[in-house]
Amino acid sequence: MDVVALAVGELAANAVRHTRSGEGDGGWFGLELIYGDPAYVAVTDLGGHGVPVVLPEGYGDPSCQGGRGLRMLYELALMFGVHGSSTFGHTVWVDLDLNRGLESHPYGLTQMAS
């Protein structure tokens, strides 16, 4: 899996799972993608349910399926950021080095992404 596809999937899934973008009869989220070098991926959601945070390394039960996605992107990113508010929505964004594949990640993300 390409690092950009991983970032798009993770950020889009978070917008639907953890914000008003995924509630009720449907909402929306925005995706901005600049496939350059570095690549830029940003997802804007409808807000709610707190502020997106990167959990500390080694946080929680390793067998747990959730809670590690933003940490993974943070580790892969050249730059990572969040701006906005719970009321009006957040944008979570990453700049990614296209020359650094998942296989070079120290935590073995290739296995997680396969």
C-alpha atoms as a PDB file:
ATOM      1  CA  MET A   1       0.000   0.000   0.000  1.00  0.00           C
ATOM      2  CA  ASP A   2       1.248   3.432  -0.948  1.00  0.00           C
ATOM      3  CA  VAL A   3       1.865   5.877   1.911  1.00  0.00           C
ATOM      4  CA  VAL A   4      -0.539   8.419   0.360  1.00  0.00           C
ATOM      5  CA  ALA A   5      -3.336   5.840   0.094  1.00  0.00           C
ATOM      6  CA  LEU A   6      -2.712   4.888   3.718  1.00  0.00           C
ATOM      7  CA  ALA A   7      -2.981   8.537   4.812  1.00  0.00           C
ATOM      8  CA  VAL A   8      -6.158   9.165   2.787  1.00  0.00           C
ATOM      9  CA  GLY A   9      -7.796   6.027   4.192  1.00  0.00           C
ATOM     10  CA  GLU A  10      -6.812   6.725   7.783  1.00  0.00           C
ATOM     11  CA  LEU A  11      -7.841  10.389   7.801  1.00  0.00           C
ATOM     12  CA  ALA A  12     -11.123   9.740   5.966  1.00  0.00           C
ATOM     13  CA  ALA A  13     -11.992   6.863   8.312  1.00  0.00           C
ATOM     14  CA  ASN A  14     -11.276   9.046  11.343  1.00  0.00           C
ATOM     15  CA  ALA A  15     -13.542  11.804  10.004  1.00  0.00           C
ATOM     16  CA  VAL A  16     -16.417   9.344   9.623  1.00  0.00           C
ATOM     17  CA  ARG A  17     -15.827   7.446  12.895  1.00  0.00           C
ATOM     18  CA  HIS A  18     -15.007  10.262  15.286  1.00  0.00           C
ATOM     19  CA  THR A  19     -16.835  13.416  14.123  1.00  0.00           C
ATOM     20  CA  ARG A  20     -20.256  14.673  13.114  1.00  0.00           C
ATOM     21  CA  SER A  21     -19.257  13.860   9.525  1.00  0.00           C
ATOM     22  CA  GLY A  22     -20.323  10.265  10.159  1.00  0.00           C
ATOM     23  CA  GLU A  23     -23.460  10.849  12.216  1.00  0.00           C
ATOM     24  CA  GLY A  24     -27.135  10.662  11.333  1.00  0.00           C
ATOM     25  CA  ASP A  25     -28.242  10.359   7.740  1.00  0.00           C
ATOM     26  CA  GLY A  26     -24.825  11.366   6.540  1.00  0.00           C
ATOM     27  CA  GLY A  27     -22.581  14.313   6.578  1.00  0.00           C
ATOM     28  CA  TRP A  28     -19.598  15.280   4.562  1.00  0.00           C
ATOM     29  CA  PHE A  29     -15.875  15.615   4.876  1.00  0.00           C
ATOM     30  CA  GLY A  30     -13.453  17.293   2.521  1.00  0.00           C
ATOM     31  CA  LEU A  31     -10.296  15.773   1.089  1.00  0.00           C
ATOM     32  CA  GLU A  32      -7.428  17.801  -0.316  1.00  0.00           C
ATOM     33  CA  LEU A  33      -4.637  15.888  -2.035  1.00  0.00           C
ATOM     34  CA  ILE A  34      -1.566  17.286  -3.724  1.00  0.00           C
ATOM     35  CA  TYR A  35       0.341  14.360  -5.159  1.00  0.00           C
ATOM     36  CA  GLY A  36       3.715  16.065  -5.390  1.00  0.00           C
ATOM     37  CA  ASP A  37       6.928  15.471  -3.532  1.00  0.00           C
ATOM     38  CA  PRO A  38       6.224  15.937  -0.753  1.00  0.00           C
ATOM     39  CA  ALA A  39       2.632  14.799  -1.023  1.00  0.00           C
ATOM     40  CA  TYR A  40       0.045  16.747   0.963  1.00  0.00           C
ATOM     41  CA  VAL A  41      -3.064  15.049   2.339  1.00  0.00           C
ATOM     42  CA  ALA A  42      -5.688  16.918   4.367  1.00  0.00           C
ATOM     43  CA  VAL A  43      -9.145  15.928   5.569  1.00  0.00           C
ATOM     44  CA  THR A  44     -11.614  18.465   6.928  1.00  0.00           C
ATOM     45  CA  ASP A  45     -14.512  17.190   9.046  1.00  0.00           C
ATOM     46  CA  LEU A  46     -17.626  18.653  10.681  1.00  0.00           C
ATOM     47  CA  GLY A  47     -16.107  18.696  14.183  1.00  0.00           C
ATOM     48  CA  GLY A  48     -17.514  17.430  17.454  1.00  0.00           C
ATOM     49  CA  HIS A  49     -16.251  14.870  19.928  1.00  0.00           C
ATOM     50  CA  GLY A  50     -13.064  16.692  20.943  1.00  0.00           C
ATOM     51  CA  VAL A  51      -9.777  17.458  19.250  1.00  0.00           C
ATOM     52  CA  PRO A  52      -7.815  14.899  17.200  1.00  0.00           C
ATOM     53  CA  VAL A  53      -4.674  13.919  19.133  1.00  0.00           C
ATOM     54  CA  VAL A  54      -1.617  11.803  18.464  1.00  0.00           C
ATOM     55  CA  LEU A  55      -1.408   9.228  21.243  1.00  0.00           C
ATOM     56  CA  PRO A  56       1.956   8.690  22.940  1.00  0.00           C
ATOM     57  CA  GLU A  57       4.167   5.952  21.545  1.00  0.00           C
ATOM     58  CA  GLY A  58       3.314   2.580  23.088  1.00  0.00           C
ATOM     59  CA  TYR A  59      -0.094   3.779  24.332  1.00  0.00           C
ATOM     60  CA  GLY A  60      -2.735   1.174  25.099  1.00  0.00           C
ATOM     61  CA  ASP A  61      -3.131  -2.501  24.377  1.00  0.00           C
ATOM     62  CA  PRO A  62      -1.174  -3.564  21.257  1.00  0.00           C
ATOM     63  CA  SER A  63      -3.982  -5.961  20.271  1.00  0.00           C
ATOM     64  CA  CYS A  64      -6.511  -3.094  20.190  1.00  0.00           C
ATOM     65  CA  GLN A  65      -7.611  -2.183  16.661  1.00  0.00           C
ATOM     66  CA  GLY A  66      -8.071   1.537  17.293  1.00  0.00           C
ATOM     67  CA  GLY A  67      -6.207   4.515  18.598  1.00  0.00           C
ATOM     68  CA  ARG A  68      -2.969   4.219  16.678  1.00  0.00           C
ATOM     69  CA  GLY A  69      -3.763   5.648  13.233  1.00  0.00           C
ATOM     70  CA  LEU A  70      -2.754   9.255  13.834  1.00  0.00           C
ATOM     71  CA  ARG A  71       0.372   8.053  15.652  1.00  0.00           C
ATOM     72  CA  MET A  72       1.291   5.983  12.608  1.00  0.00           C
ATOM     73  CA  LEU A  73       0.794   8.963  10.263  1.00  0.00           C
ATOM     74  CA  TYR A  74       2.734  11.226  12.620  1.00  0.00           C
ATOM     75  CA  GLU A  75       5.679   8.814  12.442  1.00  0.00           C
ATOM     76  CA  LEU A  76       5.526   8.648   8.640  1.00  0.00           C
ATOM     77  CA  ALA A  77       5.055  12.382   8.076  1.00  0.00           C
ATOM     78  CA  LEU A  78       7.594  15.043   7.255  1.00  0.00           C
ATOM     79  CA  MET A  79       5.118  17.435   8.894  1.00  0.00           C
ATOM     80  CA  PHE A  80       1.777  16.850  10.624  1.00  0.00           C
ATOM     81  CA  GLY A  81      -0.842  19.250  11.902  1.00  0.00           C
ATOM     82  CA  VAL A  82      -4.373  19.839  13.140  1.00  0.00           C
ATOM     83  CA  HIS A  83      -6.307  23.093  13.097  1.00  0.00           C
ATOM     84  CA  GLY A  84      -9.907  24.111  13.633  1.00  0.00           C
ATOM     85  CA  SER A  85     -12.452  23.604  16.391  1.00  0.00           C
ATOM     86  CA  SER A  86     -14.946  21.060  17.665  1.00  0.00           C
ATOM     87  CA  THR A  87     -17.722  23.504  16.779  1.00  0.00           C
ATOM     88  CA  PHE A  88     -16.808  24.305  13.182  1.00  0.00           C
ATOM     89  CA  GLY A  89     -14.668  21.314  12.245  1.00  0.00           C
ATOM     90  CA  HIS A  90     -11.036  20.267  12.131  1.00  0.00           C
ATOM     91  CA  THR A  91      -8.541  19.804   9.360  1.00  0.00           C
ATOM     92  CA  VAL A  92      -5.918  17.125   9.930  1.00  0.00           C
ATOM     93  CA  TRP A  93      -3.047  17.221   7.423  1.00  0.00           C
ATOM     94  CA  VAL A  94       0.240  15.501   6.653  1.00  0.00           C
ATOM     95  CA  ASP A  95       3.167  16.130   4.324  1.00  0.00           C
ATOM     96  CA  LEU A  96       4.617  12.821   3.142  1.00  0.00           C
ATOM     97  CA  ASP A  97       7.937  11.909   1.532  1.00  0.00           C
ATOM     98  CA  LEU A  98       7.107   9.776  -1.505  1.00  0.00           C
ATOM     99  CA  ASN A  99      10.656   8.424  -1.558  1.00  0.00           C
ATOM    100  CA  ARG A 100      10.242   6.859   1.878  1.00  0.00           C
ATOM    101  CA  GLY A 101       8.138   3.752   1.506  1.00  0.00           C
ATOM    102  CA  LEU A 102       6.267   1.951   4.251  1.00  0.00           C
ATOM    103  CA  GLU A 103       8.907  -0.774   4.332  1.00  0.00           C
ATOM    104  CA  SER A 104      11.453   1.724   5.693  1.00  0.00           C
ATOM    105  CA  HIS A 105       9.323   2.554   8.720  1.00  0.00           C
ATOM    106  CA  PRO A 106      10.910   1.349  11.975  1.00  0.00           C
ATOM    107  CA  TYR A 107       7.639  -0.109  13.312  1.00  0.00           C
ATOM    108  CA  GLY A 108       6.989  -2.450  10.410  1.00  0.00           C
ATOM    109  CA  LEU A 109       3.995  -0.675   8.911  1.00  0.00           C
ATOM    110  CA  THR A 110       4.184  -2.813   5.800  1.00  0.00           C
ATOM    111  CA  GLN A 111       2.701  -5.701   7.765  1.00  0.00           C
ATOM    112  CA  MET A 112      -0.042  -3.521   9.232  1.00  0.00           C
ATOM    113  CA  ALA A 113      -0.996  -2.077   5.871  1.00  0.00           C
ATOM    114  CA  SER A 114      -0.988  -5.316   3.863  1.00  0.00           C
END
